[in-house]
Amino acid sequence: MNKDLKSHWEAIYQNKSFEEVGWYQAVPETSIQFFEKLNLPKTAAIMDMGAGESRFVDYLLEKGYTNITLVDISAEALKKTQARLGEKGKSVKYIEADAGTFKATERYDFWHDRATFHFLTEITAIEHYTQNSCRSLKPKAHFLIGTFAEGGPKICSELEVFQYSADDLSEVFARCLTQVKAIKTDHVTPSGAKLKFVFCLFKYDG
C-alpha cells in the first residue's frame, strides 16, 4: 500500500466531516437508479470500492441486502461508517485496502465504484484494478463505475485525476466487461461547483 497516499486520505477523513468533502452526496441517487433496475436478490454479494463514508451502504441495508463489503484505503473512513451504521451494519464486511493493489478474496455479483477509479493514474495500478475486477466477478455479474468525465476536474483533493468518456471506460475494461448503459451527469459539490461525471454499467462476460 502507498503509505503517502494512505496518509493523505487518513488526514482528510480525520479533519473533515463527510458533509464538507467535494464528493458528498446525501443520497447517491445515480448509483441507486442503476442498481434498482438490476433486481438483484437480497443475498447478492455486493462490493463498494472506495466506499469512504458513502450512504450507498445505508440504502442497501434499508432494502434488506445482507452480503455487503466496503473497501477503502482509509481506516478512519471505515471506522466512521461502522460507527454510523451501528447495530444495523453488523453484517457488513470492512476491508482496508488501496484500490490500486487490492486483491479480492471472494467473487461478487455487483461491484460499485463511484469516484475512486479516476484517482488511479499509474498504469500498473490501473492494470491491477482491471485484472482484479475481472477475477472478482461472478458469471453474469454487474459492474457500475462513476468517474470524472471529459471536461471534469484534473485535480481533486490535491491529487491528480484522470477523466474518462464512456468509450474510454469500455476500452479500459474490454478484457471482460461489456457496457450496458452509460450516462453523463453533473455532481454538485457542497460549495456549489458542478463536476462532470460519467457513469457506466457493465456486465461481466465470464
C-alpha atoms as a PDB file:
ATOM      1  CA  MET A   1       0.000   0.000   0.000  1.00  0.00           C
ATOM      2  CA  ASN A   2       1.217   3.507  -0.857  1.00  0.00           C
ATOM      3  CA  LYS A   3       1.914   4.960   2.620  1.00  0.00           C
ATOM      4  CA  ASP A   4       1.909   8.584   1.414  1.00  0.00           C
ATOM      5  CA  LEU A   5      -1.442   8.103  -0.322  1.00  0.00           C
ATOM      6  CA  LYS A   6      -2.886   6.377   2.711  1.00  0.00           C
ATOM      7  CA  SER A   7      -1.711   9.193   4.991  1.00  0.00           C
ATOM      8  CA  HIS A   8      -3.290  11.720   2.620  1.00  0.00           C
ATOM      9  CA  TRP A   9      -6.724  10.074   2.829  1.00  0.00           C
ATOM     10  CA  GLU A  10      -6.496   9.400   6.558  1.00  0.00           C
ATOM     11  CA  ALA A  11      -5.880  13.114   7.127  1.00  0.00           C
ATOM     12  CA  ILE A  12      -8.895  14.086   5.013  1.00  0.00           C
ATOM     13  CA  TYR A  13     -11.275  11.810   6.906  1.00  0.00           C
ATOM     14  CA  GLN A  14      -9.801  12.803  10.258  1.00  0.00           C
ATOM     15  CA  ASN A  15     -10.047  16.542   9.620  1.00  0.00           C
ATOM     16  CA  LYS A  16     -13.246  16.911   7.600  1.00  0.00           C
ATOM     17  CA  SER A  17     -16.819  15.865   8.096  1.00  0.00           C
ATOM     18  CA  PHE A  18     -18.482  13.987   5.246  1.00  0.00           C
ATOM     19  CA  GLU A  19     -20.689  16.998   4.520  1.00  0.00           C
ATOM     20  CA  GLU A  20     -17.562  19.083   3.796  1.00  0.00           C
ATOM     21  CA  VAL A  21     -15.883  16.896   1.192  1.00  0.00           C
ATOM     22  CA  GLY A  22     -16.381  17.574  -2.520  1.00  0.00           C
ATOM     23  CA  TRP A  23     -17.812  14.110  -3.283  1.00  0.00           C
ATOM     24  CA  TYR A  24     -20.513  14.360  -0.600  1.00  0.00           C
ATOM     25  CA  GLN A  25     -23.969  13.062  -1.511  1.00  0.00           C
ATOM     26  CA  ALA A  26     -26.806  12.912   0.991  1.00  0.00           C
ATOM     27  CA  VAL A  27     -28.365  10.268  -1.262  1.00  0.00           C
ATOM     28  CA  PRO A  28     -26.341   8.541  -4.029  1.00  0.00           C
ATOM     29  CA  GLU A  29     -29.228   8.821  -6.482  1.00  0.00           C
ATOM     30  CA  THR A  30     -27.462   7.842  -9.724  1.00  0.00           C
ATOM     31  CA  SER A  31     -25.962   4.689  -8.211  1.00  0.00           C
ATOM     32  CA  ILE A  32     -29.318   3.739  -6.724  1.00  0.00           C
ATOM     33  CA  GLN A  33     -31.144   4.255 -10.021  1.00  0.00           C
ATOM     34  CA  PHE A  34     -28.767   1.925 -11.841  1.00  0.00           C
ATOM     35  CA  PHE A  35     -28.817  -0.650  -9.050  1.00  0.00           C
ATOM     36  CA  GLU A  36     -32.586  -0.848  -8.656  1.00  0.00           C
ATOM     37  CA  LYS A  37     -33.076  -1.857 -12.293  1.00  0.00           C
ATOM     38  CA  LEU A  38     -30.936  -4.974 -11.757  1.00  0.00           C
ATOM     39  CA  ASN A  39     -33.394  -6.519  -9.279  1.00  0.00           C
ATOM     40  CA  LEU A  40     -30.654  -8.484  -7.539  1.00  0.00           C
ATOM     41  CA  PRO A  41     -31.603 -10.974  -4.815  1.00  0.00           C
ATOM     42  CA  LYS A  42     -31.135  -9.835  -1.217  1.00  0.00           C
ATOM     43  CA  THR A  43     -28.321 -12.371  -0.807  1.00  0.00           C
ATOM     44  CA  ALA A  44     -26.281 -10.948  -3.728  1.00  0.00           C
ATOM     45  CA  ALA A  45     -22.609 -10.338  -2.932  1.00  0.00           C
ATOM     46  CA  ILE A  46     -22.108  -6.572  -3.246  1.00  0.00           C
ATOM     47  CA  MET A  47     -18.835  -4.661  -3.014  1.00  0.00           C
ATOM     48  CA  ASP A  48     -18.398  -0.889  -2.796  1.00  0.00           C
ATOM     49  CA  MET A  49     -14.854   0.077  -3.832  1.00  0.00           C
ATOM     50  CA  GLY A  50     -13.567   3.276  -2.222  1.00  0.00           C
ATOM     51  CA  ALA A  51     -16.689   3.380  -0.085  1.00  0.00           C
ATOM     52  CA  GLY A  52     -15.458   6.057   2.309  1.00  0.00           C
ATOM     53  CA  GLU A  53     -18.496   7.414   4.148  1.00  0.00           C
ATOM     54  CA  SER A  54     -20.850   6.911   1.206  1.00  0.00           C
ATOM     55  CA  ARG A  55     -24.531   6.427   2.047  1.00  0.00           C
ATOM     56  CA  PHE A  56     -24.884   3.730  -0.616  1.00  0.00           C
ATOM     57  CA  VAL A  57     -24.433   1.086   2.082  1.00  0.00           C
ATOM     58  CA  ASP A  58     -27.261   2.683   4.101  1.00  0.00           C
ATOM     59  CA  TYR A  59     -29.569   2.289   1.118  1.00  0.00           C
ATOM     60  CA  LEU A  60     -28.535  -1.357   0.625  1.00  0.00           C
ATOM     61  CA  LEU A  61     -29.157  -2.209   4.267  1.00  0.00           C
ATOM     62  CA  GLU A  62     -32.529  -0.472   4.250  1.00  0.00           C
ATOM     63  CA  LYS A  63     -33.512  -2.606   1.243  1.00  0.00           C
ATOM     64  CA  GLY A  64     -32.532  -5.777   3.080  1.00  0.00           C
ATOM     65  CA  TYR A  65     -29.244  -6.737   1.378  1.00  0.00           C
ATOM     66  CA  THR A  66     -27.205  -8.983   3.637  1.00  0.00           C
ATOM     67  CA  ASN A  67     -23.849  -9.589   1.906  1.00  0.00           C
ATOM     68  CA  ILE A  68     -22.074  -6.227   1.639  1.00  0.00           C
ATOM     69  CA  THR A  69     -18.346  -5.492   1.555  1.00  0.00           C
ATOM     70  CA  LEU A  70     -16.876  -1.986   1.868  1.00  0.00           C
ATOM     71  CA  VAL A  71     -13.312  -1.343   0.692  1.00  0.00           C
ATOM     72  CA  ASP A  72     -11.375   1.850   1.360  1.00  0.00           C
ATOM     73  CA  ILE A  73      -7.775   2.922   1.815  1.00  0.00           C
ATOM     74  CA  SER A  74      -8.722   4.945   4.899  1.00  0.00           C
ATOM     75  CA  ALA A  75      -9.222   3.140   8.194  1.00  0.00           C
ATOM     76  CA  GLU A  76     -10.737   6.360   9.561  1.00  0.00           C
ATOM     77  CA  ALA A  77     -13.409   6.426   6.851  1.00  0.00           C
ATOM     78  CA  LEU A  78     -14.379   2.824   7.517  1.00  0.00           C
ATOM     79  CA  LYS A  79     -14.390   3.462  11.263  1.00  0.00           C
ATOM     80  CA  LYS A  80     -16.767   6.406  10.825  1.00  0.00           C
ATOM     81  CA  THR A  81     -19.065   4.365   8.626  1.00  0.00           C
ATOM     82  CA  GLN A  82     -19.098   1.454  11.041  1.00  0.00           C
ATOM     83  CA  ALA A  83     -19.931   3.806  13.914  1.00  0.00           C
ATOM     84  CA  ARG A  84     -22.704   5.457  11.900  1.00  0.00           C
ATOM     85  CA  LEU A  85     -24.313   2.164  10.913  1.00  0.00           C
ATOM     86  CA  GLY A  86     -24.128   0.721  14.405  1.00  0.00           C
ATOM     87  CA  GLU A  87     -26.127  -2.432  15.021  1.00  0.00           C
ATOM     88  CA  LYS A  88     -27.809  -2.403  11.601  1.00  0.00           C
ATOM     89  CA  GLY A  89     -24.392  -2.698   9.940  1.00  0.00           C
ATOM     90  CA  LYS A  90     -23.117  -5.663  11.975  1.00  0.00           C
ATOM     91  CA  SER A  91     -23.157  -7.954   8.928  1.00  0.00           C
ATOM     92  CA  VAL A  92     -21.111  -5.546   6.741  1.00  0.00           C
ATOM     93  CA  LYS A  93     -17.522  -6.533   5.940  1.00  0.00           C
ATOM     94  CA  TYR A  94     -14.913  -3.754   6.118  1.00  0.00           C
ATOM     95  CA  ILE A  95     -11.646  -4.065   4.200  1.00  0.00           C
ATOM     96  CA  GLU A  96      -8.841  -1.501   4.475  1.00  0.00           C
ATOM     97  CA  ALA A  97      -7.068  -1.574   1.104  1.00  0.00           C
ATOM     98  CA  ASP A  98      -5.749   0.567  -1.748  1.00  0.00           C
ATOM     99  CA  ALA A  99      -7.875   0.235  -4.910  1.00  0.00           C
ATOM    100  CA  GLY A 100      -4.693   0.030  -6.959  1.00  0.00           C
ATOM    101  CA  THR A 101      -3.347  -3.034  -5.109  1.00  0.00           C
ATOM    102  CA  PHE A 102      -6.448  -4.619  -3.535  1.00  0.00           C
ATOM    103  CA  LYS A 103      -6.847  -8.361  -4.095  1.00  0.00           C
ATOM    104  CA  ALA A 104     -10.335  -9.710  -3.557  1.00  0.00           C
ATOM    105  CA  THR A 105     -10.700 -12.989  -1.696  1.00  0.00           C
ATOM    106  CA  GLU A 106     -14.248 -13.641  -2.911  1.00  0.00           C
ATOM    107  CA  ARG A 107     -16.356 -13.034  -6.002  1.00  0.00           C
ATOM    108  CA  TYR A 108     -19.146 -10.510  -6.327  1.00  0.00           C
ATOM    109  CA  ASP A 109     -22.491 -10.164  -8.078  1.00  0.00           C
ATOM    110  CA  PHE A 110     -22.224  -6.368  -8.101  1.00  0.00           C
ATOM    111  CA  TRP A 111     -19.126  -4.143  -7.950  1.00  0.00           C
ATOM    112  CA  HIS A 112     -19.744  -0.441  -7.313  1.00  0.00           C
ATOM    113  CA  ASP A 113     -17.162   2.309  -7.710  1.00  0.00           C
ATOM    114  CA  ARG A 114     -18.153   5.944  -7.555  1.00  0.00           C
ATOM    115  CA  ALA A 115     -15.228   8.381  -7.761  1.00  0.00           C
ATOM    116  CA  THR A 116     -12.369   6.002  -6.905  1.00  0.00           C
ATOM    117  CA  PHE A 117     -11.019   4.675 -10.206  1.00  0.00           C
ATOM    118  CA  HIS A 118     -10.194   8.142 -11.580  1.00  0.00           C
ATOM    119  CA  PHE A 119      -7.632   8.577  -8.771  1.00  0.00           C
ATOM    120  CA  LEU A 120      -5.563   5.742 -10.242  1.00  0.00           C
ATOM    121  CA  THR A 121      -3.082   7.470 -12.537  1.00  0.00           C
ATOM    122  CA  GLU A 122      -0.268   4.908 -12.712  1.00  0.00           C
ATOM    123  CA  ILE A 123      -0.510   2.272 -15.430  1.00  0.00           C
ATOM    124  CA  THR A 124       0.378  -0.531 -13.004  1.00  0.00           C
ATOM    125  CA  ALA A 125      -2.444   0.449 -10.639  1.00  0.00           C
ATOM    126  CA  ILE A 126      -4.978   0.740 -13.470  1.00  0.00           C
ATOM    127  CA  GLU A 127      -3.896  -2.614 -14.877  1.00  0.00           C
ATOM    128  CA  HIS A 128      -4.145  -4.250 -11.472  1.00  0.00           C
ATOM    129  CA  TYR A 129      -7.617  -2.806 -10.895  1.00  0.00           C
ATOM    130  CA  THR A 130      -8.961  -4.095 -14.216  1.00  0.00           C
ATOM    131  CA  GLN A 131      -7.437  -7.557 -13.755  1.00  0.00           C
ATOM    132  CA  ASN A 132      -8.699  -7.773 -10.177  1.00  0.00           C
ATOM    133  CA  SER A 133     -12.229  -6.776 -11.156  1.00  0.00           C
ATOM    134  CA  CYS A 134     -12.275  -9.447 -13.867  1.00  0.00           C
ATOM    135  CA  ARG A 135     -11.124 -12.100 -11.398  1.00  0.00           C
ATOM    136  CA  SER A 136     -13.546 -10.979  -8.715  1.00  0.00           C
ATOM    137  CA  LEU A 137     -16.892 -11.050 -10.521  1.00  0.00           C
ATOM    138  CA  LYS A 138     -19.311 -13.949 -10.688  1.00  0.00           C
ATOM    139  CA  PRO A 139     -20.835 -15.053 -14.002  1.00  0.00           C
ATOM    140  CA  LYS A 140     -23.433 -12.507 -15.209  1.00  0.00           C
ATOM    141  CA  ALA A 141     -22.307 -10.029 -12.526  1.00  0.00           C
ATOM    142  CA  HIS A 142     -22.638  -6.269 -12.999  1.00  0.00           C
ATOM    143  CA  PHE A 143     -20.018  -3.566 -12.554  1.00  0.00           C
ATOM    144  CA  LEU A 144     -21.053   0.080 -12.058  1.00  0.00           C
ATOM    145  CA  ILE A 145     -18.414   2.795 -12.247  1.00  0.00           C
ATOM    146  CA  GLY A 146     -18.657   6.575 -11.972  1.00  0.00           C
ATOM    147  CA  THR A 147     -15.654   8.728 -12.878  1.00  0.00           C
ATOM    148  CA  PHE A 148     -14.857  12.293 -13.818  1.00  0.00           C
ATOM    149  CA  ALA A 149     -15.929  12.823 -17.404  1.00  0.00           C
ATOM    150  CA  GLU A 150     -14.270  14.766 -20.193  1.00  0.00           C
ATOM    151  CA  GLY A 151     -14.260  18.405 -19.109  1.00  0.00           C
ATOM    152  CA  GLY A 152     -14.187  17.377 -15.476  1.00  0.00           C
ATOM    153  CA  PRO A 153     -11.513  18.243 -12.890  1.00  0.00           C
ATOM    154  CA  LYS A 154      -7.867  17.366 -13.384  1.00  0.00           C
ATOM    155  CA  ILE A 155      -7.125  17.805  -9.687  1.00  0.00           C
ATOM    156  CA  CYS A 156      -9.288  16.566  -6.815  1.00  0.00           C
ATOM    157  CA  SER A 157      -8.391  16.617  -3.124  1.00  0.00           C
ATOM    158  CA  GLU A 158      -4.947  17.909  -4.156  1.00  0.00           C
ATOM    159  CA  LEU A 159      -4.343  14.774  -6.231  1.00  0.00           C
ATOM    160  CA  GLU A 160      -4.097  14.334  -9.987  1.00  0.00           C
ATOM    161  CA  VAL A 161      -7.068  12.533 -11.503  1.00  0.00           C
ATOM    162  CA  PHE A 162      -7.985  11.170 -14.929  1.00  0.00           C
ATOM    163  CA  GLN A 163     -11.104  11.956 -16.926  1.00  0.00           C
ATOM    164  CA  TYR A 164     -12.891   9.314 -18.988  1.00  0.00           C
ATOM    165  CA  SER A 165     -15.548   9.064 -21.648  1.00  0.00           C
ATOM    166  CA  ALA A 166     -17.902   6.095 -21.791  1.00  0.00           C
ATOM    167  CA  ASP A 167     -15.879   4.780 -24.737  1.00  0.00           C
ATOM    168  CA  ASP A 168     -12.651   5.171 -22.743  1.00  0.00           C
ATOM    169  CA  LEU A 169     -14.058   3.086 -19.908  1.00  0.00           C
ATOM    170  CA  SER A 170     -15.297   0.423 -22.311  1.00  0.00           C
ATOM    171  CA  GLU A 171     -11.792   0.165 -23.741  1.00  0.00           C
ATOM    172  CA  VAL A 172     -10.131   0.003 -20.335  1.00  0.00           C
ATOM    173  CA  PHE A 173     -12.376  -2.841 -19.161  1.00  0.00           C
ATOM    174  CA  ALA A 174     -12.757  -4.562 -22.534  1.00  0.00           C
ATOM    175  CA  ARG A 175     -10.945  -7.719 -21.422  1.00  0.00           C
ATOM    176  CA  CYS A 176     -14.007  -8.985 -19.553  1.00  0.00           C
ATOM    177  CA  LEU A 177     -16.793  -6.386 -19.405  1.00  0.00           C
ATOM    178  CA  THR A 178     -19.440  -5.295 -21.891  1.00  0.00           C
ATOM    179  CA  GLN A 179     -21.055  -1.903 -21.492  1.00  0.00           C
ATOM    180  CA  VAL A 180     -24.809  -1.991 -20.940  1.00  0.00           C
ATOM    181  CA  LYS A 181     -25.582   1.677 -20.374  1.00  0.00           C
ATOM    182  CA  ALA A 182     -23.777   4.973 -19.874  1.00  0.00           C
ATOM    183  CA  ILE A 183     -24.967   8.410 -18.805  1.00  0.00           C
ATOM    184  CA  LYS A 184     -23.385  11.789 -18.160  1.00  0.00           C
ATOM    185  CA  THR A 185     -24.330  13.748 -15.089  1.00  0.00           C
ATOM    186  CA  ASP A 186     -23.210  16.737 -13.022  1.00  0.00           C
ATOM    187  CA  HIS A 187     -22.292  16.334  -9.373  1.00  0.00           C
ATOM    188  CA  VAL A 188     -22.875  19.487  -7.331  1.00  0.00           C
ATOM    189  CA  THR A 189     -20.359  19.875  -4.505  1.00  0.00           C
ATOM    190  CA  PRO A 190     -21.170  21.390  -1.085  1.00  0.00           C
ATOM    191  CA  SER A 191     -19.599  24.646  -2.341  1.00  0.00           C
ATOM    192  CA  GLY A 192     -21.908  24.700  -5.362  1.00  0.00           C
ATOM    193  CA  ALA A 193     -19.398  23.684  -8.050  1.00  0.00           C
ATOM    194  CA  LYS A 194     -20.625  21.397 -10.837  1.00  0.00           C
ATOM    195  CA  LEU A 195     -18.354  18.485 -11.679  1.00  0.00           C
ATOM    196  CA  LYS A 196     -18.887  16.455 -14.852  1.00  0.00           C
ATOM    197  CA  PHE A 197     -19.258  12.709 -14.283  1.00  0.00           C
ATOM    198  CA  VAL A 198     -19.852   9.680 -16.459  1.00  0.00           C
ATOM    199  CA  PHE A 199     -21.496   6.537 -15.090  1.00  0.00           C
ATOM    200  CA  CYS A 200     -21.174   3.237 -16.929  1.00  0.00           C
ATOM    201  CA  LEU A 201     -22.891  -0.034 -16.161  1.00  0.00           C
ATOM    202  CA  PHE A 202     -21.097  -3.144 -17.413  1.00  0.00           C
ATOM    203  CA  LYS A 203     -21.907  -6.838 -17.464  1.00  0.00           C
ATOM    204  CA  TYR A 204     -19.279  -9.470 -16.827  1.00  0.00           C
ATOM    205  CA  ASP A 205     -18.660 -11.702 -19.843  1.00  0.00           C
ATOM    206  CA  GLY A 206     -17.328 -14.628 -17.813  1.00  0.00           C
END
